[in-house]
Amino acid sequence: MSLVRQLRAIALLPFLATVVVPGLLVYFTGAHAGWELPRALWLVPFLVAALLIALGLVLFVWTVMLFARAGRGTLAPWDPTERLVVLGPYRYVRNPMISGVLAVLLGEAVLLGSLPVLGWTIVFLLLNQLYIPQFEEPGMERRFGDSYQRYRQHVPRWLPRLRPWHDDGV
């Protein structure tokens, strides 16, 4: 798996969503780090933001590595995985990569005290809520057939299962 392929996909999708768009929003609307809380409470949003961003980055990096190694592809729709990835966080939820990006965006909104970045987080979720069932999932069904259908029946799109899913047929 080419590092260039991975970096191009990351730069064009999650980097744009988590760095470029929030950066432009903050540039044009401003930020209120600490949410203008009393000095004694400034640490609270920073700790919450750090936790969300760290969790999101770990989840994102983990899923990108799974796509590259197990799936032999990238996160990009134009360069998808060759194999269905049902490992790690994908055993609990079908879209952990998007969950990771959402956690980063939410963490940025909290860190920067930015309602526009929070609004972008909601827009990003809604866009994915439309895109995934309309385009991504039908493409997965065409590429992976019955394996994906079984996976889809047992693993929820957004809210994780309590126990990991196992299927010897995938």
N, C-alpha and C. Protein backbone atom coordinates (compact mmCIF):
# COMPACT_ATOMS: atom_id res chain seq x y z
N MET A 1 0.86 -1.18 0.00
CA MET A 1 0.00 0.00 0.00
C MET A 1 0.90 1.23 0.00
N SER A 2 0.73 2.08 -0.96
CA SER A 2 1.55 3.26 -1.12
C SER A 2 1.21 4.33 -0.07
N LEU A 3 2.24 4.86 0.54
CA LEU A 3 2.06 5.93 1.51
C LEU A 3 1.47 7.17 0.82
N VAL A 4 1.87 7.41 -0.41
CA VAL A 4 1.36 8.55 -1.16
C VAL A 4 -0.15 8.42 -1.35
N ARG A 5 -0.63 7.22 -1.68
CA ARG A 5 -2.09 7.00 -1.83
C ARG A 5 -2.82 7.34 -0.54
N GLN A 6 -2.29 6.87 0.57
CA GLN A 6 -2.92 7.12 1.87
C GLN A 6 -2.92 8.61 2.21
N LEU A 7 -1.77 9.26 2.03
CA LEU A 7 -1.66 10.67 2.37
C LEU A 7 -2.55 11.54 1.48
N ARG A 8 -2.67 11.20 0.22
CA ARG A 8 -3.53 11.96 -0.69
C ARG A 8 -4.99 11.85 -0.22
N ALA A 9 -5.42 10.65 0.12
CA ALA A 9 -6.80 10.45 0.59
C ALA A 9 -7.05 11.21 1.89
N ILE A 10 -6.09 11.16 2.80
CA ILE A 10 -6.23 11.85 4.08
C ILE A 10 -6.25 13.36 3.87
N ALA A 11 -5.37 13.87 3.00
CA ALA A 11 -5.31 15.32 2.77
C ALA A 11 -6.59 15.84 2.12
N LEU A 12 -7.19 15.04 1.25
CA LEU A 12 -8.36 15.52 0.54
C LEU A 12 -9.66 15.35 1.30
N LEU A 13 -9.69 14.48 2.28
CA LEU A 13 -10.95 14.26 2.99
C LEU A 13 -10.87 14.67 4.46
N PRO A 14 -10.33 13.86 5.36
CA PRO A 14 -10.38 14.26 6.78
C PRO A 14 -9.58 15.52 7.11
N PHE A 15 -8.47 15.74 6.43
CA PHE A 15 -7.69 16.96 6.69
C PHE A 15 -8.51 18.20 6.32
N LEU A 16 -9.16 18.13 5.21
CA LEU A 16 -10.03 19.23 4.78
C LEU A 16 -11.15 19.46 5.80
N ALA A 17 -11.75 18.35 6.27
CA ALA A 17 -12.88 18.45 7.21
C ALA A 17 -12.47 18.90 8.60
N THR A 18 -11.28 18.47 9.07
CA THR A 18 -10.91 18.74 10.46
C THR A 18 -9.92 19.89 10.64
N VAL A 19 -9.28 20.32 9.56
CA VAL A 19 -8.29 21.40 9.69
C VAL A 19 -8.67 22.61 8.83
N VAL A 20 -8.89 22.39 7.55
CA VAL A 20 -9.14 23.51 6.65
C VAL A 20 -10.47 24.21 6.95
N VAL A 21 -11.57 23.45 6.98
CA VAL A 21 -12.88 24.07 7.22
C VAL A 21 -12.94 24.72 8.61
N PRO A 22 -12.56 24.00 9.69
CA PRO A 22 -12.58 24.68 11.00
C PRO A 22 -11.64 25.89 11.05
N GLY A 23 -10.48 25.77 10.40
CA GLY A 23 -9.55 26.90 10.38
C GLY A 23 -10.15 28.12 9.71
N LEU A 24 -10.82 27.92 8.59
CA LEU A 24 -11.48 29.03 7.90
C LEU A 24 -12.61 29.61 8.75
N LEU A 25 -13.37 28.73 9.38
CA LEU A 25 -14.47 29.21 10.24
C LEU A 25 -13.94 30.07 11.39
N VAL A 26 -12.89 29.62 12.02
CA VAL A 26 -12.31 30.37 13.13
C VAL A 26 -11.69 31.68 12.62
N TYR A 27 -11.04 31.62 11.48
CA TYR A 27 -10.43 32.82 10.91
C TYR A 27 -11.48 33.90 10.66
N PHE A 28 -12.62 33.50 10.10
CA PHE A 28 -13.64 34.47 9.75
C PHE A 28 -14.60 34.82 10.90
N THR A 29 -14.69 33.97 11.90
CA THR A 29 -15.65 34.24 12.98
C THR A 29 -15.00 34.42 14.35
N GLY A 30 -13.76 34.02 14.50
CA GLY A 30 -13.08 34.15 15.78
C GLY A 30 -13.28 32.92 16.66
N ALA A 31 -12.49 32.85 17.72
CA ALA A 31 -12.57 31.74 18.66
C ALA A 31 -12.61 32.32 20.07
N HIS A 32 -13.12 31.56 20.98
CA HIS A 32 -13.21 31.97 22.38
C HIS A 32 -12.67 30.84 23.26
N ALA A 33 -11.37 30.57 23.12
CA ALA A 33 -10.76 29.51 23.91
C ALA A 33 -11.07 29.74 25.38
N GLY A 34 -11.50 28.69 26.03
CA GLY A 34 -11.88 28.79 27.43
C GLY A 34 -13.32 29.19 27.62
N TRP A 35 -14.02 29.46 26.51
CA TRP A 35 -15.45 29.80 26.52
C TRP A 35 -15.76 31.00 27.41
N GLU A 36 -14.76 31.82 27.64
CA GLU A 36 -14.92 33.00 28.50
C GLU A 36 -15.40 32.62 29.90
N LEU A 37 -14.99 31.45 30.33
CA LEU A 37 -15.32 30.98 31.69
C LEU A 37 -14.40 31.68 32.69
N PRO A 38 -14.78 31.66 33.96
CA PRO A 38 -13.86 32.20 34.97
C PRO A 38 -12.52 31.44 34.91
N ARG A 39 -11.48 32.15 35.20
CA ARG A 39 -10.12 31.59 35.08
C ARG A 39 -9.99 30.21 35.75
N ALA A 40 -10.64 30.01 36.86
CA ALA A 40 -10.54 28.73 37.59
C ALA A 40 -11.14 27.57 36.80
N LEU A 41 -12.02 27.85 35.85
CA LEU A 41 -12.68 26.79 35.07
C LEU A 41 -12.11 26.62 33.66
N TRP A 42 -11.12 27.40 33.28
CA TRP A 42 -10.56 27.31 31.93
C TRP A 42 -10.06 25.92 31.58
N LEU A 43 -9.57 25.23 32.57
CA LEU A 43 -8.99 23.91 32.32
C LEU A 43 -10.03 22.89 31.86
N VAL A 44 -11.27 23.05 32.28
CA VAL A 44 -12.32 22.07 31.94
C VAL A 44 -12.49 21.89 30.44
N PRO A 45 -12.75 22.96 29.66
CA PRO A 45 -12.91 22.74 28.23
C PRO A 45 -11.64 22.20 27.56
N PHE A 46 -10.49 22.61 28.05
CA PHE A 46 -9.24 22.12 27.47
C PHE A 46 -9.07 20.62 27.69
N LEU A 47 -9.42 20.14 28.88
CA LEU A 47 -9.31 18.71 29.16
C LEU A 47 -10.33 17.90 28.35
N VAL A 48 -11.56 18.40 28.27
CA VAL A 48 -12.59 17.72 27.48
C VAL A 48 -12.16 17.68 26.02
N ALA A 49 -11.68 18.82 25.51
CA ALA A 49 -11.24 18.89 24.11
C ALA A 49 -10.07 17.94 23.85
N ALA A 50 -9.10 17.92 24.75
CA ALA A 50 -7.94 17.04 24.58
C ALA A 50 -8.36 15.58 24.53
N LEU A 51 -9.28 15.21 25.41
CA LEU A 51 -9.77 13.84 25.43
C LEU A 51 -10.48 13.49 24.12
N LEU A 52 -11.38 14.37 23.66
CA LEU A 52 -12.11 14.11 22.41
C LEU A 52 -11.17 14.04 21.21
N ILE A 53 -10.24 14.97 21.12
CA ILE A 53 -9.31 15.00 19.98
C ILE A 53 -8.41 13.78 20.01
N ALA A 54 -7.89 13.43 21.17
CA ALA A 54 -7.02 12.25 21.28
C ALA A 54 -7.78 10.98 20.91
N LEU A 55 -8.98 10.82 21.43
CA LEU A 55 -9.80 9.66 21.10
C LEU A 55 -10.08 9.60 19.60
N GLY A 56 -10.46 10.73 19.04
CA GLY A 56 -10.75 10.79 17.61
C GLY A 56 -9.54 10.45 16.76
N LEU A 57 -8.38 10.98 17.13
CA LEU A 57 -7.16 10.70 16.35
C LEU A 57 -6.76 9.23 16.45
N VAL A 58 -6.85 8.66 17.64
CA VAL A 58 -6.52 7.24 17.80
C VAL A 58 -7.45 6.39 16.93
N LEU A 59 -8.73 6.65 16.99
CA LEU A 59 -9.70 5.91 16.20
C LEU A 59 -9.45 6.09 14.71
N PHE A 60 -9.18 7.31 14.29
CA PHE A 60 -8.92 7.59 12.88
C PHE A 60 -7.67 6.87 12.39
N VAL A 61 -6.57 7.01 13.11
CA VAL A 61 -5.31 6.37 12.69
C VAL A 61 -5.48 4.85 12.65
N TRP A 62 -6.12 4.29 13.65
CA TRP A 62 -6.35 2.84 13.71
C TRP A 62 -7.13 2.37 12.49
N THR A 63 -8.20 3.09 12.13
CA THR A 63 -9.03 2.66 11.01
C THR A 63 -8.30 2.84 9.68
N VAL A 64 -7.52 3.90 9.53
CA VAL A 64 -6.74 4.09 8.30
C VAL A 64 -5.73 2.96 8.14
N MET A 65 -5.09 2.57 9.24
CA MET A 65 -4.13 1.45 9.19
C MET A 65 -4.84 0.15 8.81
N LEU A 66 -6.02 -0.08 9.36
CA LEU A 66 -6.78 -1.28 9.00
C LEU A 66 -7.15 -1.27 7.52
N PHE A 67 -7.58 -0.13 7.01
CA PHE A 67 -7.91 -0.02 5.59
C PHE A 67 -6.69 -0.34 4.73
N ALA A 68 -5.54 0.18 5.12
CA ALA A 68 -4.33 -0.03 4.33
C ALA A 68 -3.85 -1.48 4.40
N ARG A 69 -3.77 -2.03 5.60
CA ARG A 69 -3.19 -3.37 5.77
C ARG A 69 -4.18 -4.50 5.45
N ALA A 70 -5.32 -4.47 6.10
CA ALA A 70 -6.28 -5.57 5.91
C ALA A 70 -7.15 -5.37 4.67
N GLY A 71 -7.50 -4.12 4.38
CA GLY A 71 -8.40 -3.86 3.27
C GLY A 71 -7.70 -3.61 1.95
N ARG A 72 -6.39 -3.31 2.02
CA ARG A 72 -5.60 -3.01 0.82
C ARG A 72 -6.20 -1.85 0.01
N GLY A 73 -6.52 -0.78 0.72
CA GLY A 73 -7.08 0.39 0.06
C GLY A 73 -7.01 1.59 0.96
N THR A 74 -7.74 2.63 0.59
CA THR A 74 -7.73 3.86 1.36
C THR A 74 -9.14 4.21 1.80
N LEU A 75 -9.26 5.31 2.53
CA LEU A 75 -10.56 5.79 2.97
C LEU A 75 -11.31 6.51 1.85
N ALA A 76 -10.64 6.77 0.75
CA ALA A 76 -11.23 7.55 -0.33
C ALA A 76 -12.19 6.72 -1.19
N PRO A 77 -13.32 7.29 -1.57
CA PRO A 77 -14.27 6.56 -2.43
C PRO A 77 -13.68 6.21 -3.79
N TRP A 78 -12.71 6.98 -4.27
CA TRP A 78 -12.08 6.71 -5.56
C TRP A 78 -10.96 5.68 -5.47
N ASP A 79 -10.59 5.27 -4.26
CA ASP A 79 -9.53 4.27 -4.06
C ASP A 79 -9.91 3.39 -2.87
N PRO A 80 -11.06 2.69 -2.97
CA PRO A 80 -11.58 1.95 -1.80
C PRO A 80 -10.79 0.68 -1.51
N THR A 81 -11.13 0.08 -0.41
CA THR A 81 -10.48 -1.17 -0.02
C THR A 81 -10.88 -2.30 -0.98
N GLU A 82 -9.97 -3.24 -1.13
CA GLU A 82 -10.23 -4.43 -1.95
C GLU A 82 -10.93 -5.51 -1.14
N ARG A 83 -10.73 -5.45 0.17
CA ARG A 83 -11.32 -6.44 1.08
C ARG A 83 -12.20 -5.75 2.10
N LEU A 84 -13.23 -6.45 2.51
CA LEU A 84 -14.11 -5.94 3.56
C LEU A 84 -13.36 -5.97 4.89
N VAL A 85 -13.30 -4.84 5.57
CA VAL A 85 -12.59 -4.75 6.84
C VAL A 85 -13.59 -4.90 7.97
N VAL A 86 -13.43 -6.00 8.72
CA VAL A 86 -14.30 -6.29 9.86
C VAL A 86 -13.40 -6.68 11.04
N LEU A 87 -12.51 -5.76 11.37
CA LEU A 87 -11.54 -5.96 12.45
C LEU A 87 -11.58 -4.76 13.38
N GLY A 88 -11.02 -4.92 14.56
CA GLY A 88 -10.90 -3.81 15.48
C GLY A 88 -12.23 -3.13 15.74
N PRO A 89 -12.27 -1.80 15.60
CA PRO A 89 -13.51 -1.07 15.90
C PRO A 89 -14.64 -1.40 14.92
N TYR A 90 -14.30 -1.91 13.75
CA TYR A 90 -15.33 -2.28 12.77
C TYR A 90 -16.15 -3.49 13.23
N ARG A 91 -15.72 -4.17 14.26
CA ARG A 91 -16.50 -5.28 14.82
C ARG A 91 -17.63 -4.76 15.72
N TYR A 92 -17.56 -3.48 16.07
CA TYR A 92 -18.55 -2.87 16.95
C TYR A 92 -19.49 -1.91 16.22
N VAL A 93 -18.95 -1.20 15.23
CA VAL A 93 -19.73 -0.17 14.53
C VAL A 93 -19.20 -0.06 13.10
N ARG A 94 -20.10 0.24 12.15
CA ARG A 94 -19.71 0.24 10.73
C ARG A 94 -18.92 1.47 10.31
N ASN A 95 -19.00 2.56 11.04
CA ASN A 95 -18.35 3.80 10.61
C ASN A 95 -17.46 4.43 11.69
N PRO A 96 -16.51 3.66 12.23
CA PRO A 96 -15.69 4.23 13.29
C PRO A 96 -14.77 5.36 12.81
N MET A 97 -14.41 5.35 11.53
CA MET A 97 -13.56 6.42 11.02
C MET A 97 -14.30 7.76 11.08
N ILE A 98 -15.57 7.76 10.67
CA ILE A 98 -16.37 8.98 10.74
C ILE A 98 -16.56 9.38 12.20
N SER A 99 -16.75 8.40 13.08
CA SER A 99 -16.87 8.71 14.52
C SER A 99 -15.60 9.39 15.03
N GLY A 100 -14.45 8.94 14.56
CA GLY A 100 -13.18 9.56 14.95
C GLY A 100 -13.09 11.00 14.47
N VAL A 101 -13.47 11.24 13.22
CA VAL A 101 -13.45 12.60 12.69
C VAL A 101 -14.43 13.48 13.47
N LEU A 102 -15.61 12.96 13.77
CA LEU A 102 -16.59 13.72 14.55
C LEU A 102 -16.05 14.06 15.94
N ALA A 103 -15.35 13.13 16.57
CA ALA A 103 -14.77 13.40 17.89
C ALA A 103 -13.73 14.51 17.80
N VAL A 104 -12.91 14.49 16.75
CA VAL A 104 -11.92 15.56 16.57
C VAL A 104 -12.62 16.90 16.38
N LEU A 105 -13.63 16.93 15.51
CA LEU A 105 -14.36 18.18 15.26
C LEU A 105 -15.02 18.70 16.53
N LEU A 106 -15.65 17.83 17.28
CA LEU A 106 -16.29 18.24 18.53
C LEU A 106 -15.24 18.76 19.51
N GLY A 107 -14.11 18.08 19.57
CA GLY A 107 -13.02 18.53 20.43
C GLY A 107 -12.50 19.90 20.03
N GLU A 108 -12.41 20.14 18.72
CA GLU A 108 -11.97 21.46 18.24
C GLU A 108 -12.99 22.53 18.62
N ALA A 109 -14.28 22.22 18.48
CA ALA A 109 -15.32 23.19 18.84
C ALA A 109 -15.22 23.54 20.32
N VAL A 110 -15.00 22.53 21.16
CA VAL A 110 -14.88 22.77 22.60
C VAL A 110 -13.60 23.55 22.90
N LEU A 111 -12.49 23.13 22.31
CA LEU A 111 -11.21 23.79 22.55
C LEU A 111 -11.25 25.26 22.16
N LEU A 112 -11.83 25.53 21.00
CA LEU A 112 -11.83 26.89 20.46
C LEU A 112 -13.02 27.73 20.92
N GLY A 113 -13.96 27.10 21.60
CA GLY A 113 -15.15 27.83 22.01
C GLY A 113 -15.88 28.38 20.80
N SER A 114 -15.96 27.57 19.75
CA SER A 114 -16.49 28.04 18.47
C SER A 114 -17.83 27.39 18.12
N LEU A 115 -18.88 28.19 18.17
CA LEU A 115 -20.19 27.69 17.73
C LEU A 115 -20.20 27.39 16.23
N PRO A 116 -19.52 28.18 15.38
CA PRO A 116 -19.46 27.81 13.97
C PRO A 116 -18.79 26.44 13.73
N VAL A 117 -17.76 26.12 14.48
CA VAL A 117 -17.13 24.80 14.33
C VAL A 117 -18.08 23.72 14.83
N LEU A 118 -18.82 24.00 15.89
CA LEU A 118 -19.84 23.05 16.35
C LEU A 118 -20.90 22.86 15.26
N GLY A 119 -21.31 23.95 14.62
CA GLY A 119 -22.26 23.86 13.51
C GLY A 119 -21.71 23.03 12.37
N TRP A 120 -20.42 23.21 12.04
CA TRP A 120 -19.78 22.41 10.99
C TRP A 120 -19.78 20.93 11.38
N THR A 121 -19.57 20.64 12.65
CA THR A 121 -19.60 19.25 13.13
C THR A 121 -20.96 18.63 12.85
N ILE A 122 -22.01 19.37 13.11
CA ILE A 122 -23.37 18.88 12.87
C ILE A 122 -23.61 18.71 11.37
N VAL A 123 -23.18 19.67 10.57
CA VAL A 123 -23.31 19.57 9.10
C VAL A 123 -22.55 18.35 8.59
N PHE A 124 -21.34 18.13 9.10
CA PHE A 124 -20.53 16.98 8.69
C PHE A 124 -21.26 15.67 9.00
N LEU A 125 -21.85 15.59 10.19
CA LEU A 125 -22.62 14.39 10.56
C LEU A 125 -23.80 14.21 9.61
N LEU A 126 -24.54 15.26 9.35
CA LEU A 126 -25.70 15.16 8.46
C LEU A 126 -25.30 14.78 7.04
N LEU A 127 -24.21 15.34 6.54
CA LEU A 127 -23.73 14.97 5.20
C LEU A 127 -23.41 13.48 5.13
N ASN A 128 -22.77 12.97 6.17
CA ASN A 128 -22.44 11.55 6.20
C ASN A 128 -23.69 10.70 6.38
N GLN A 129 -24.64 11.20 7.14
CA GLN A 129 -25.90 10.48 7.32
C GLN A 129 -26.63 10.33 5.98
N LEU A 130 -26.46 11.29 5.08
CA LEU A 130 -27.04 11.20 3.74
C LEU A 130 -26.16 10.38 2.80
N TYR A 131 -24.86 10.65 2.80
CA TYR A 131 -23.94 10.02 1.86
C TYR A 131 -23.81 8.51 2.07
N ILE A 132 -23.61 8.10 3.31
CA ILE A 132 -23.31 6.69 3.59
C ILE A 132 -24.42 5.75 3.11
N PRO A 133 -25.69 5.94 3.47
CA PRO A 133 -26.71 5.00 2.99
C PRO A 133 -27.02 5.14 1.50
N GLN A 134 -26.83 6.33 0.95
CA GLN A 134 -27.17 6.54 -0.46
C GLN A 134 -26.08 6.09 -1.42
N PHE A 135 -24.81 6.21 -1.03
CA PHE A 135 -23.72 5.93 -1.95
C PHE A 135 -22.74 4.88 -1.44
N GLU A 136 -22.25 5.05 -0.21
CA GLU A 136 -21.22 4.14 0.29
C GLU A 136 -21.74 2.72 0.48
N GLU A 137 -22.87 2.58 1.16
CA GLU A 137 -23.38 1.24 1.44
C GLU A 137 -23.79 0.48 0.19
N PRO A 138 -24.46 1.09 -0.80
CA PRO A 138 -24.74 0.35 -2.05
C PRO A 138 -23.45 -0.09 -2.76
N GLY A 139 -22.42 0.75 -2.71
CA GLY A 139 -21.14 0.37 -3.30
C GLY A 139 -20.50 -0.80 -2.57
N MET A 140 -20.62 -0.81 -1.26
CA MET A 140 -20.09 -1.93 -0.48
C MET A 140 -20.84 -3.21 -0.80
N GLU A 141 -22.15 -3.11 -0.96
CA GLU A 141 -22.95 -4.29 -1.32
C GLU A 141 -22.52 -4.85 -2.68
N ARG A 142 -22.29 -3.96 -3.64
CA ARG A 142 -21.85 -4.43 -4.97
C ARG A 142 -20.48 -5.08 -4.89
N ARG A 143 -19.57 -4.51 -4.13
CA ARG A 143 -18.20 -5.04 -4.07
C ARG A 143 -18.08 -6.30 -3.22
N PHE A 144 -18.82 -6.37 -2.12
CA PHE A 144 -18.62 -7.47 -1.17
C PHE A 144 -19.80 -8.41 -1.01
N GLY A 145 -20.91 -8.11 -1.65
CA GLY A 145 -22.06 -9.01 -1.70
C GLY A 145 -22.60 -9.47 -0.36
N ASP A 146 -22.78 -10.79 -0.26
CA ASP A 146 -23.38 -11.39 0.94
C ASP A 146 -22.59 -11.10 2.22
N SER A 147 -21.27 -11.04 2.10
CA SER A 147 -20.45 -10.75 3.28
C SER A 147 -20.82 -9.41 3.88
N TYR A 148 -20.97 -8.41 3.03
CA TYR A 148 -21.34 -7.09 3.53
C TYR A 148 -22.77 -7.08 4.05
N GLN A 149 -23.66 -7.77 3.39
CA GLN A 149 -25.05 -7.81 3.85
C GLN A 149 -25.13 -8.42 5.25
N ARG A 150 -24.39 -9.51 5.49
CA ARG A 150 -24.37 -10.12 6.83
C ARG A 150 -23.81 -9.14 7.86
N TYR A 151 -22.71 -8.52 7.49
CA TYR A 151 -22.07 -7.54 8.37
C TYR A 151 -23.04 -6.41 8.70
N ARG A 152 -23.69 -5.87 7.68
CA ARG A 152 -24.62 -4.76 7.85
C ARG A 152 -25.82 -5.13 8.73
N GLN A 153 -26.26 -6.38 8.64
CA GLN A 153 -27.39 -6.83 9.46
C GLN A 153 -27.03 -6.90 10.94
N HIS A 154 -25.76 -7.13 11.24
CA HIS A 154 -25.35 -7.39 12.62
C HIS A 154 -24.60 -6.24 13.30
N VAL A 155 -24.07 -5.32 12.51
CA VAL A 155 -23.27 -4.24 13.09
C VAL A 155 -23.93 -2.90 12.74
N PRO A 156 -24.27 -2.11 13.75
CA PRO A 156 -24.97 -0.84 13.50
C PRO A 156 -24.06 0.20 12.83
N ARG A 157 -24.71 1.14 12.16
CA ARG A 157 -23.99 2.19 11.43
C ARG A 157 -23.29 3.17 12.38
N TRP A 158 -23.98 3.64 13.43
CA TRP A 158 -23.44 4.71 14.26
C TRP A 158 -23.22 4.33 15.72
N LEU A 159 -24.17 3.68 16.34
CA LEU A 159 -24.04 3.36 17.76
C LEU A 159 -23.44 1.97 17.93
N PRO A 160 -22.31 1.88 18.61
CA PRO A 160 -21.60 0.60 18.69
C PRO A 160 -22.37 -0.50 19.44
N ARG A 161 -22.11 -1.72 19.01
CA ARG A 161 -22.59 -2.90 19.74
C ARG A 161 -21.84 -2.98 21.06
N LEU A 162 -22.41 -3.71 21.99
CA LEU A 162 -21.71 -3.91 23.26
C LEU A 162 -20.64 -4.99 23.15
N ARG A 163 -20.88 -5.97 22.30
CA ARG A 163 -19.92 -7.07 22.11
C ARG A 163 -19.46 -7.09 20.66
N PRO A 164 -18.21 -7.48 20.43
CA PRO A 164 -17.72 -7.52 19.04
C PRO A 164 -18.45 -8.57 18.22
N TRP A 165 -18.67 -8.26 16.96
CA TRP A 165 -19.33 -9.19 16.05
C TRP A 165 -18.30 -10.11 15.42
N HIS A 166 -18.65 -11.38 15.31
CA HIS A 166 -17.79 -12.38 14.67
C HIS A 166 -18.59 -13.06 13.56
N ASP A 167 -17.95 -13.25 12.42
CA ASP A 167 -18.58 -14.00 11.34
C ASP A 167 -17.48 -14.71 10.58
N ASP A 168 -17.50 -16.01 10.63
CA ASP A 168 -16.48 -16.79 9.94
C ASP A 168 -16.59 -16.69 8.42
N GLY A 169 -17.76 -16.24 7.92
CA GLY A 169 -17.97 -16.13 6.49
C GLY A 169 -17.42 -14.85 5.88
N VAL A 170 -16.97 -13.88 6.72
CA VAL A 170 -16.46 -12.60 6.17
C VAL A 170 -14.96 -12.68 6.03
